[in-house]
Protein backbone atom coordinates (compact mmCIF):
# COMPACT_ATOMS: atom_id res chain seq x y z
CA MET A 1 0.00 0.00 0.00
CA LYS A 2 1.42 3.37 -1.02
CA LYS A 3 1.34 6.32 1.36
CA ASN A 4 0.95 9.97 0.36
CA GLU A 5 1.97 12.96 2.41
CA VAL A 6 -1.20 14.90 1.48
CA SER A 7 -4.34 13.54 -0.20
CA ILE A 8 -6.97 16.02 -1.40
CA LEU A 9 -10.41 14.72 -2.28
CA GLY A 10 -11.89 16.63 -5.22
CA ALA A 11 -10.22 18.46 -8.12
CA GLY A 12 -12.80 21.23 -8.27
CA LEU A 13 -11.99 24.89 -7.82
CA ILE A 14 -11.15 24.65 -4.10
CA GLY A 15 -9.27 21.34 -4.27
CA SER A 16 -7.18 22.49 -7.23
CA LEU A 17 -6.21 25.83 -5.65
CA LEU A 18 -5.45 24.15 -2.33
CA SER A 19 -3.20 21.62 -4.06
CA ILE A 20 -1.22 24.47 -5.64
CA TYR A 21 -0.71 26.13 -2.25
CA LEU A 22 0.49 22.91 -0.62
CA LYS A 23 2.73 21.90 -3.52
CA LYS A 24 4.39 25.33 -3.39
CA ARG A 25 5.30 24.43 0.21
CA GLY A 26 7.18 21.39 -1.08
CA MET A 27 4.67 18.72 -0.12
CA ASP A 28 3.88 15.52 -1.97
CA VAL A 29 0.29 16.24 -3.04
CA HIS A 30 -2.17 13.80 -4.63
CA VAL A 31 -5.68 14.82 -5.71
CA TYR A 32 -8.44 12.23 -6.23
CA GLU A 33 -11.30 13.18 -8.55
CA LYS A 34 -14.26 10.91 -9.34
CA ARG A 35 -14.96 12.61 -12.69
CA ALA A 36 -13.04 11.98 -15.90
CA ASP A 37 -10.51 14.55 -17.09
CA ASN A 38 -12.67 17.00 -19.06
CA ARG A 39 -9.73 18.94 -20.48
CA ALA A 40 -9.21 16.55 -23.42
CA GLY A 41 -11.02 17.35 -26.67
CA ALA A 42 -13.61 20.08 -27.14
CA TYR A 43 -14.72 21.85 -24.01
CA LYS A 44 -18.37 21.23 -23.18
CA GLU A 45 -20.43 22.98 -20.53
CA GLU A 46 -22.27 20.66 -18.16
CA GLY A 47 -25.52 22.61 -18.32
CA ARG A 48 -25.83 22.85 -14.58
CA SER A 49 -23.03 25.09 -13.35
CA ILE A 50 -23.91 28.61 -12.29
CA ASN A 51 -21.36 31.12 -13.59
CA MET A 52 -19.07 32.26 -10.80
CA ALA A 53 -18.54 35.83 -9.58
CA LEU A 54 -14.98 36.46 -8.41
CA SER A 55 -14.66 39.22 -5.81
CA ASP A 56 -11.89 40.60 -3.60
CA ARG A 57 -11.55 37.61 -1.26
CA GLY A 58 -11.12 35.23 -4.19
CA TRP A 59 -8.67 37.52 -5.95
CA ARG A 60 -6.52 37.77 -2.79
CA ALA A 61 -6.25 33.98 -2.63
CA LEU A 62 -5.37 33.74 -6.32
CA GLU A 63 -2.81 36.52 -5.99
CA LYS A 64 -0.93 34.74 -3.20
CA ALA A 65 -0.79 31.65 -5.40
CA GLY A 66 0.60 33.76 -8.27
CA LEU A 67 -2.43 33.18 -10.49
CA ARG A 68 -4.14 36.57 -10.78
CA GLU A 69 -2.72 37.50 -14.19
CA LYS A 70 -3.51 34.07 -15.63
CA VAL A 71 -7.12 34.13 -14.43
CA LEU A 72 -7.90 37.74 -15.39
CA PRO A 73 -8.30 37.07 -19.17
CA LEU A 74 -11.12 34.60 -18.40
CA THR A 75 -13.17 37.23 -16.57
CA ILE A 76 -15.52 40.12 -17.35
CA PRO A 77 -16.04 42.89 -14.76
CA MET A 78 -19.62 43.56 -13.62
CA TYR A 79 -20.02 46.95 -11.97
CA GLY A 80 -23.57 46.48 -10.71
CA ARG A 81 -26.98 44.88 -11.12
CA GLN A 82 -29.04 45.70 -14.21
CA VAL A 83 -32.61 45.14 -13.01
CA HIS A 84 -35.18 44.34 -15.74
CA ASN A 85 -38.85 45.01 -14.98
CA GLU A 86 -41.75 43.17 -16.65
CA HIS A 87 -42.04 45.86 -19.33
CA GLY A 88 -38.40 45.58 -20.40
CA ALA A 89 -37.21 48.81 -18.74
CA THR A 90 -33.94 48.55 -16.79
CA THR A 91 -32.43 50.19 -13.73
CA PHE A 92 -28.71 50.02 -12.95
CA ILE A 93 -27.71 49.62 -9.28
CA PRO A 94 -23.92 49.91 -8.72
CA TYR A 95 -22.27 47.32 -6.49
CA GLY A 96 -19.91 49.79 -4.87
CA LYS A 97 -17.94 52.90 -5.64
CA GLU A 98 -17.00 53.77 -9.20
CA GLY A 99 -14.57 51.19 -10.53
CA GLN A 100 -15.51 48.45 -8.02
CA ALA A 101 -16.65 45.27 -9.72
CA ILE A 102 -17.22 41.58 -9.31
CA TYR A 103 -15.95 39.39 -12.16
CA SER A 104 -17.96 36.87 -14.14
CA ILE A 105 -16.08 33.66 -14.93
CA SER A 106 -17.09 30.26 -16.32
CA ARG A 107 -16.73 27.56 -13.67
CA GLY A 108 -15.59 24.97 -16.20
CA ARG A 109 -12.85 26.99 -17.87
CA PHE A 110 -11.66 28.30 -14.51
CA ASN A 111 -11.43 24.75 -13.16
CA GLN A 112 -9.45 23.64 -16.19
CA LEU A 113 -6.94 26.46 -15.70
CA LEU A 114 -6.45 25.59 -12.01
CA MET A 115 -5.97 21.89 -12.76
CA ASN A 116 -3.41 22.76 -15.44
CA GLU A 117 -1.54 25.00 -13.02
CA ALA A 118 -1.63 22.31 -10.33
CA GLU A 119 -0.04 19.78 -12.69
CA ILE A 120 2.58 22.33 -13.78
CA GLU A 121 3.50 22.70 -10.08
CA GLY A 122 3.87 18.91 -9.82
CA VAL A 123 0.56 17.91 -8.22
CA ASN A 124 -0.60 14.37 -9.08
CA ILE A 125 -4.29 14.39 -10.12
CA HIS A 126 -5.93 10.95 -10.26
CA PHE A 127 -9.09 11.14 -12.38
CA GLU A 128 -11.93 8.62 -12.32
CA SER A 129 -10.96 7.69 -8.78
CA LYS A 130 -14.07 7.27 -6.66
CA ILE A 131 -13.63 7.44 -2.88
CA GLU A 132 -15.77 4.62 -1.51
CA ASP A 133 -14.74 5.01 2.12
CA VAL A 134 -12.28 6.82 4.36
CA ASP A 135 -10.87 5.02 7.40
CA LEU A 136 -10.29 7.85 9.85
CA ARG A 137 -8.45 5.64 12.34
CA THR A 138 -5.69 4.80 9.88
CA ASN A 139 -6.11 7.72 7.42
CA GLU A 140 -6.66 5.29 4.56
CA LEU A 141 -8.64 6.00 1.40
CA HIS A 142 -10.61 3.17 -0.19
CA ILE A 143 -10.56 4.03 -3.90
CA ARG A 144 -12.23 2.43 -6.94
CA ASP A 145 -10.54 3.30 -10.25
CA LYS A 146 -12.06 3.51 -13.75
CA GLU A 147 -11.42 -0.22 -14.34
CA GLY A 148 -13.38 -1.05 -11.21
CA GLN A 149 -10.29 -2.08 -9.27
CA GLN A 150 -10.15 -1.26 -5.56
CA GLU A 151 -7.10 0.22 -3.92
CA LYS A 152 -6.19 1.40 -0.43
CA VAL A 153 -4.03 4.50 -0.15
CA GLY A 154 -2.60 5.72 3.12
CA SER A 155 -2.02 9.41 3.77
CA GLU A 156 -0.52 11.51 6.51
CA VAL A 157 -3.12 14.20 5.84
CA ILE A 158 -6.53 14.02 4.14
CA LEU A 159 -8.29 17.21 2.99
CA GLY A 160 -11.91 16.95 1.90
CA ALA A 161 -12.52 19.53 -0.83
CA ASP A 162 -15.11 17.29 -2.48
CA GLY A 163 -18.11 19.56 -2.23
CA ALA A 164 -21.57 19.40 -0.72
CA TYR A 165 -21.74 15.60 -0.98
CA SER A 166 -18.28 14.99 0.47
CA SER A 167 -17.00 11.43 0.96
CA LEU A 168 -14.80 12.58 3.84
CA ARG A 169 -17.76 14.21 5.59
CA THR A 170 -19.78 11.01 5.11
CA ALA A 171 -17.02 9.15 6.96
CA MET A 172 -16.98 11.80 9.69
CA LEU A 173 -20.76 11.42 10.12
CA LYS A 174 -20.10 7.96 11.56
CA GLN A 175 -17.99 9.44 14.36
CA VAL A 176 -19.22 10.35 17.82
CA ARG A 177 -20.42 13.95 18.44
CA PHE A 178 -20.32 15.11 14.83
CA ASN A 179 -23.03 17.70 14.22
CA TYR A 180 -24.57 17.92 10.77
CA LYS A 181 -27.44 19.87 9.25
CA GLN A 182 -28.54 20.17 5.63
CA GLU A 183 -31.37 22.23 4.20
CA TYR A 184 -32.67 22.22 0.64
CA ILE A 185 -34.49 25.41 -0.30
CA SER A 186 -37.84 25.28 -2.10
CA HIS A 187 -36.30 26.56 -5.33
CA GLY A 188 -34.16 24.85 -7.93
CA TYR A 189 -32.29 26.21 -10.92
CA LYS A 190 -31.78 25.53 -14.61
CA GLU A 191 -29.00 26.89 -16.79
CA LEU A 192 -29.93 28.63 -20.07
CA SER A 193 -28.12 31.04 -22.39
CA ILE A 194 -28.30 34.19 -24.49
CA PRO A 195 -25.99 33.84 -27.52
CA PRO A 196 -24.15 36.72 -29.22
CA THR A 197 -26.14 38.79 -31.72
CA GLU A 198 -26.00 38.06 -35.45
CA LYS A 199 -23.20 40.62 -35.65
CA GLY A 200 -21.26 38.71 -32.98
CA GLU A 201 -21.78 41.28 -30.22
CA PHE A 202 -23.16 41.10 -26.69
CA ALA A 203 -26.97 41.19 -26.71
CA MET A 204 -27.00 43.30 -23.51
CA ASP A 205 -24.61 45.40 -21.41
CA PRO A 206 -21.73 42.99 -20.66
CA ASN A 207 -20.52 44.88 -17.59
CA ALA A 208 -23.49 44.13 -15.36
CA LEU A 209 -25.16 41.18 -13.67
CA HIS A 210 -28.63 41.14 -15.24
CA ILE A 211 -31.56 40.20 -13.05
CA TRP A 212 -35.26 39.77 -13.72
CA PRO A 213 -36.86 39.70 -10.21
CA ARG A 214 -40.42 38.42 -10.17
CA GLY A 215 -41.37 37.94 -6.52
CA SER A 216 -41.26 34.19 -5.99
CA PHE A 217 -38.88 33.50 -8.88
CA MET A 218 -36.20 35.16 -11.01
CA LEU A 219 -33.82 34.95 -13.94
CA ILE A 220 -30.20 36.14 -13.87
CA ALA A 221 -27.58 36.45 -16.63
CA LEU A 222 -23.79 36.79 -16.44
CA PRO A 223 -21.52 37.67 -19.38
CA ASN A 224 -18.90 35.40 -20.97
CA PRO A 225 -15.77 36.32 -22.97
CA ASP A 226 -17.30 34.73 -26.12
CA LYS A 227 -20.00 37.46 -25.91
CA SER A 228 -22.73 35.10 -24.77
CA PHE A 229 -24.52 35.22 -21.42
CA THR A 230 -24.98 32.31 -19.06
CA CYS A 231 -28.51 32.56 -17.68
CA THR A 232 -29.85 30.85 -14.59
CA LEU A 233 -33.58 30.42 -14.02
CA PHE A 234 -34.59 30.06 -10.35
CA LEU A 235 -38.09 28.66 -9.80
CA PRO A 236 -39.92 26.84 -7.00
CA PHE A 237 -39.93 23.11 -7.64
CA GLU A 238 -43.64 22.86 -7.00
CA GLY A 239 -46.76 24.52 -5.63
CA GLU A 240 -46.53 27.96 -7.24
CA ARG A 241 -48.32 28.91 -10.45
CA VAL A 242 -44.90 29.43 -12.03
CA SER A 243 -42.84 26.42 -10.95
CA PHE A 244 -40.83 23.62 -12.51
CA GLU A 245 -43.67 21.13 -12.00
CA ASN A 246 -46.08 23.39 -13.91
CA ILE A 247 -43.85 23.84 -16.97
CA ARG A 248 -44.53 20.66 -18.94
CA ASP A 249 -44.13 21.46 -22.61
CA GLU A 250 -42.85 23.95 -25.18
CA HIS A 251 -46.00 26.04 -24.90
CA ASP A 252 -45.55 26.40 -21.11
CA VAL A 253 -41.89 27.47 -21.45
CA GLU A 254 -42.64 30.09 -24.06
CA GLY A 255 -45.68 31.31 -22.15
CA VAL A 256 -43.72 31.88 -18.94
CA PHE A 257 -40.87 33.66 -20.70
CA GLN A 258 -43.09 35.82 -22.90
CA THR A 259 -45.14 36.84 -19.86
CA TYR A 260 -42.39 37.48 -17.30
CA PHE A 261 -39.06 37.77 -19.16
CA ASP A 262 -40.07 38.95 -22.64
CA ASP A 263 -36.99 41.12 -23.30
CA ALA A 264 -34.79 38.11 -22.46
CA TYR A 265 -37.03 35.74 -24.44
CA GLN A 266 -36.46 37.78 -27.59
CA LYS A 267 -32.72 37.07 -27.27
CA MET A 268 -32.97 33.31 -26.51
CA PRO A 269 -33.37 31.33 -29.77
CA ASN A 270 -32.36 28.07 -28.07
CA LEU A 271 -34.62 28.49 -25.04
CA VAL A 272 -36.92 25.49 -25.52
CA SER A 273 -34.20 22.96 -26.37
CA GLU A 274 -31.98 24.16 -23.52
CA TYR A 275 -34.85 24.10 -21.06
CA PHE A 276 -35.66 20.46 -21.74
CA ASN A 277 -32.09 19.23 -22.30
CA ASN A 278 -30.44 20.87 -19.29
CA PRO A 279 -31.06 19.33 -15.87
CA THR A 280 -32.93 21.00 -13.06
CA ALA A 281 -30.63 21.18 -10.04
CA SER A 282 -31.34 21.72 -6.35
CA LEU A 283 -29.79 24.21 -3.93
CA ILE A 284 -28.51 23.15 -0.53
CA ASN A 285 -27.18 24.78 2.62
CA ILE A 286 -24.91 22.63 4.82
CA GLU A 287 -23.57 23.19 8.32
CA CYS A 288 -21.41 20.75 10.22
CA TYR A 289 -18.89 20.65 13.08
CA PRO A 290 -16.17 19.74 13.84
CA TRP A 291 -14.47 20.08 10.48
CA MET A 292 -11.47 18.00 11.59
CA ILE A 293 -10.78 14.58 13.00
CA ASN A 294 -7.09 13.96 13.75
CA LYS A 295 -5.26 14.82 10.53
CA SER A 296 -8.32 15.01 8.30
CA LEU A 297 -10.05 18.31 7.49
CA LEU A 298 -13.12 19.46 5.56
CA ILE A 299 -12.79 22.65 3.53
CA GLY A 300 -14.97 24.71 1.17
CA ASP A 301 -18.43 23.36 0.34
CA ALA A 302 -17.65 20.11 2.15
CA SER A 303 -17.82 22.03 5.43
CA HIS A 304 -20.10 24.98 4.59
CA ALA A 305 -22.05 24.65 1.33
CA MET A 306 -24.27 27.66 0.75
CA VAL A 307 -26.89 28.83 -1.70
CA PRO A 308 -25.40 31.08 -4.44
CA PHE A 309 -27.24 34.31 -3.74
CA TYR A 310 -24.37 36.36 -2.30
CA GLY A 311 -21.82 35.19 -4.83
CA GLN A 312 -19.49 34.08 -2.04
CA GLY A 313 -19.43 30.28 -2.23
CA MET A 314 -16.26 30.10 -4.33
CA ASN A 315 -14.79 33.24 -2.75
CA SER A 316 -15.23 31.90 0.78
CA GLY A 317 -13.72 28.56 -0.29
CA PHE A 318 -10.71 30.36 -1.76
CA GLU A 319 -10.44 32.39 1.45
CA ASP A 320 -10.41 29.06 3.32
CA CYS A 321 -7.33 28.06 1.27
CA LEU A 322 -5.61 31.38 1.96
CA ILE A 323 -6.26 31.27 5.71
CA LEU A 324 -5.17 27.62 5.96
CA ASP A 325 -1.96 28.41 4.08
CA ASN A 326 -1.30 31.40 6.37
CA LEU A 327 -1.65 29.11 9.40
CA ILE A 328 0.74 26.55 7.90
CA GLU A 329 3.19 29.39 7.22
CA LYS A 330 2.89 30.57 10.82
CA LEU A 331 2.78 27.26 12.71
CA GLY A 332 4.74 24.94 10.43
CA ALA A 333 3.84 22.10 8.08
CA ASN A 334 4.29 19.46 10.77
CA ALA A 335 1.73 20.91 13.19
CA TRP A 336 -1.28 19.68 11.24
CA GLU A 337 -3.67 19.09 14.14
CA LEU A 338 -2.88 22.49 15.67
CA VAL A 339 -3.29 24.16 12.26
CA PHE A 340 -6.62 22.42 11.68
CA ALA A 341 -7.91 23.23 15.17
CA LYS A 342 -7.09 26.92 14.82
CA PHE A 343 -8.51 26.97 11.29
CA GLN A 344 -11.92 25.59 12.23
CA LYS A 345 -12.21 27.69 15.39
CA SER A 346 -11.54 30.96 13.56
CA ARG A 347 -13.37 30.10 10.34
CA LYS A 348 -16.62 28.49 11.53
CA PRO A 349 -18.33 31.71 12.82
CA ASN A 350 -17.49 33.45 9.54
CA THR A 351 -18.83 30.74 7.25
CA ASP A 352 -22.00 30.52 9.39
CA ALA A 353 -22.44 34.26 8.84
CA ILE A 354 -22.02 34.17 5.05
CA CYS A 355 -24.35 31.17 4.78
CA ARG A 356 -27.04 33.17 6.61
CA LEU A 357 -26.41 36.21 4.41
CA ALA A 358 -26.72 34.08 1.25
CA MET A 359 -30.11 32.78 2.37
CA GLU A 360 -31.30 36.28 3.26
CA ASN A 361 -30.05 37.78 -0.01
CA PHE A 362 -32.27 35.36 -1.95
CA GLU A 363 -35.29 37.35 -0.79
CA GLU A 364 -33.64 40.62 -1.82
CA MET A 365 -32.73 39.39 -5.30
CA LYS A 366 -36.05 37.83 -6.29
CA ALA A 367 -38.34 40.44 -4.77
CA ASP A 368 -36.85 43.50 -3.05
CA VAL A 369 -34.81 44.82 -5.98
CA ALA A 370 -38.05 45.29 -7.93
CA ASP A 371 -39.38 47.66 -5.23
CA PRO A 372 -38.81 51.36 -6.11
CA LYS A 373 -38.00 52.01 -2.43
CA PHE A 374 -35.10 49.56 -2.67
CA LEU A 375 -33.32 51.89 -5.10
CA ILE A 376 -33.87 54.84 -2.75
CA ARG A 377 -32.48 52.78 0.12
CA LYS A 378 -29.35 51.96 -1.89
CA ARG A 379 -28.91 55.63 -2.82
CA ILE A 380 -29.10 56.66 0.84
CA GLU A 381 -26.52 54.04 1.81
CA ALA A 382 -24.24 55.11 -1.05
CA ARG A 383 -24.52 58.74 0.07
CA LEU A 384 -23.70 57.76 3.66
CA HIS A 385 -20.66 55.84 2.44
CA GLU A 386 -19.59 58.80 0.30
CA LEU A 387 -19.93 61.31 3.17
CA TYR A 388 -18.65 59.03 5.96
CA PRO A 389 -16.53 56.35 4.23
CA ASN A 390 -15.07 54.97 7.47
CA ASP A 391 -18.29 55.10 9.49
CA TRP A 392 -20.90 53.67 7.12
CA ILE A 393 -19.78 50.85 4.84
CA PRO A 394 -22.71 49.12 3.08
CA LEU A 395 -23.07 45.44 3.91
CA TYR A 396 -22.44 44.38 0.31
CA THR A 397 -19.21 46.39 0.27
CA MET A 398 -18.05 44.84 3.57
CA VAL A 399 -18.67 41.34 2.22
CA THR A 400 -17.51 41.79 -1.36
CA PHE A 401 -14.88 44.55 -1.43
CA SER A 402 -13.13 44.22 1.93
CA THR A 403 -11.19 41.74 4.05
CA MET A 404 -13.45 42.27 7.08
CA SER A 405 -14.54 38.96 8.58
CA TYR A 406 -17.96 37.75 7.46
CA SER A 407 -19.17 37.59 11.06
CA GLU A 408 -18.24 41.20 11.77
CA ALA A 409 -19.85 42.31 8.51
CA TYR A 410 -23.00 40.40 9.43
CA THR A 411 -23.22 42.03 12.87
CA ILE A 412 -22.66 45.56 11.58
CA GLY A 413 -25.05 44.90 8.69
CA LYS A 414 -27.85 44.01 11.10
CA LEU A 415 -27.32 47.28 13.02
CA GLN A 416 -27.41 49.22 9.75
CA GLN A 417 -30.52 47.35 8.63
CA ASN A 418 -32.41 48.32 11.79
CA ILE A 419 -31.46 51.97 11.35
CA MET A 420 -32.35 51.99 7.66
CA ASP A 421 -35.71 50.34 8.37
CA GLY A 422 -36.46 53.32 10.58
CA VAL A 423 -35.29 55.79 7.92
CA MET A 424 -37.37 54.11 5.21
CA SER A 425 -40.52 54.10 7.38
CA ASN A 426 -40.86 57.83 6.70
CA PRO A 427 -43.87 58.08 4.30
CA LEU A 428 -42.19 60.96 2.43
CA ILE A 429 -38.80 59.26 2.04
CA THR A 430 -39.03 58.92 -1.76
CA GLN A 431 -39.37 62.69 -2.10
CA ASN A 432 -37.01 63.78 0.68
CA TRP A 433 -34.24 61.14 0.74
CA ASP A 434 -31.56 63.60 -0.37
CA LYS A 435 -32.50 66.05 2.39
CA LEU A 436 -31.90 63.64 5.28
CA ASP A 437 -29.74 64.50 8.28
CA TYR A 438 -26.97 62.04 7.41
CA ALA A 439 -24.86 63.00 10.44
CA ASP A 440 -27.77 61.95 12.66
CA ILE A 441 -27.91 58.52 10.97
CA ILE A 442 -24.19 58.04 11.64
CA ASP A 443 -24.71 59.09 15.24
CA ARG A 444 -27.45 56.47 15.61
CA LEU A 445 -25.13 53.79 14.19
CA ASP A 446 -22.33 54.76 16.58
CA LYS A 447 -24.72 54.49 19.53
CA ALA A 448 -25.97 51.11 18.33
CA LYS A 449 -22.39 49.79 18.06
CA ALA A 450 -21.64 50.99 21.59
CA VAL A 451 -24.51 49.01 23.14
């Protein structure tokens, strides 16, 4: 039986980046991936992967690994939300100050780049290697290869970066005092697309995240370098008038899109075929603890899978890699159990906070952004940030454009929300928002923080 120094389960975005970090520290790193190597031949989208939105936390992790300049050409900056109403009119809501953006990137192409870079560093990636069990007493992996042969591989360290349905977490579930909670939300999603125009141009503004909020459901679209848009339709699985169970045929698909997303429908020649050929996927939130047992550790979605509505799933996973590497740098590569213990203790409150924010932001995206008062609220917060940049930082800015911990951002965000709820309760706010006593609002926030 061979023995690895470090075994990483999963060659997705988090596993691949983590392998690069550890290989740069001179470790013998092996990655086990149940899927086949999808880099050979023509690249094909899976039809179920939401486009990713890279923000500051993700960029910081890539920068430390020396990958920023290689990733940048795959991205398109999005400076705000372009909200489409039912009549086709749009409203642009900036994400932050002028020049601040999140970056659209295809999950598949990004993953291919990271796997290539891992192999260039000397990481061994074993494709079509299914983890059937993990023996946590001996740190042995029970692996079935593509020929169906079973193999046992020992490892000093096992890192589970194998996503929401992690094999390592399944093994940990059998241990005493392991807490685990999973929650599927009532909505699922289906990937669609808007191709380039006949002239080969973007069909809409490429520097925005497009959103069609419709109360209990929504459509979003993110730009791609080939001038297409990856669209994601979020609908309830069942029960609602507009739900996946109530869309049964071509007539139903076209009826829903013509009624609720007509400006998008006019740009989607492949809508019907994509709708019925692409799978409908579910959305899950996962919490568990502890993340470690001896020299095994869960990381990324394996320990804190979240719904995608704050755009922080990948970014928080990359931040996991950065923080873990910082701890190894500080405490040494031989102090694995101490590193893991400090990692989970410091990281767990922050991932709990961003998971909660992602769930809460779902309501904002599918309903609140369509409310005219929402735009006024955002303008007031932007003005506060402009006048008092160190005293009032909007929640989205704290999460997306800063290094502040998620838990601190969550706490401050709740204080700001309570104050803004009071401000917005003024019946004349839409007429008088620019005449507010902004210094008084800051004073109220300072008092709330002092309590």
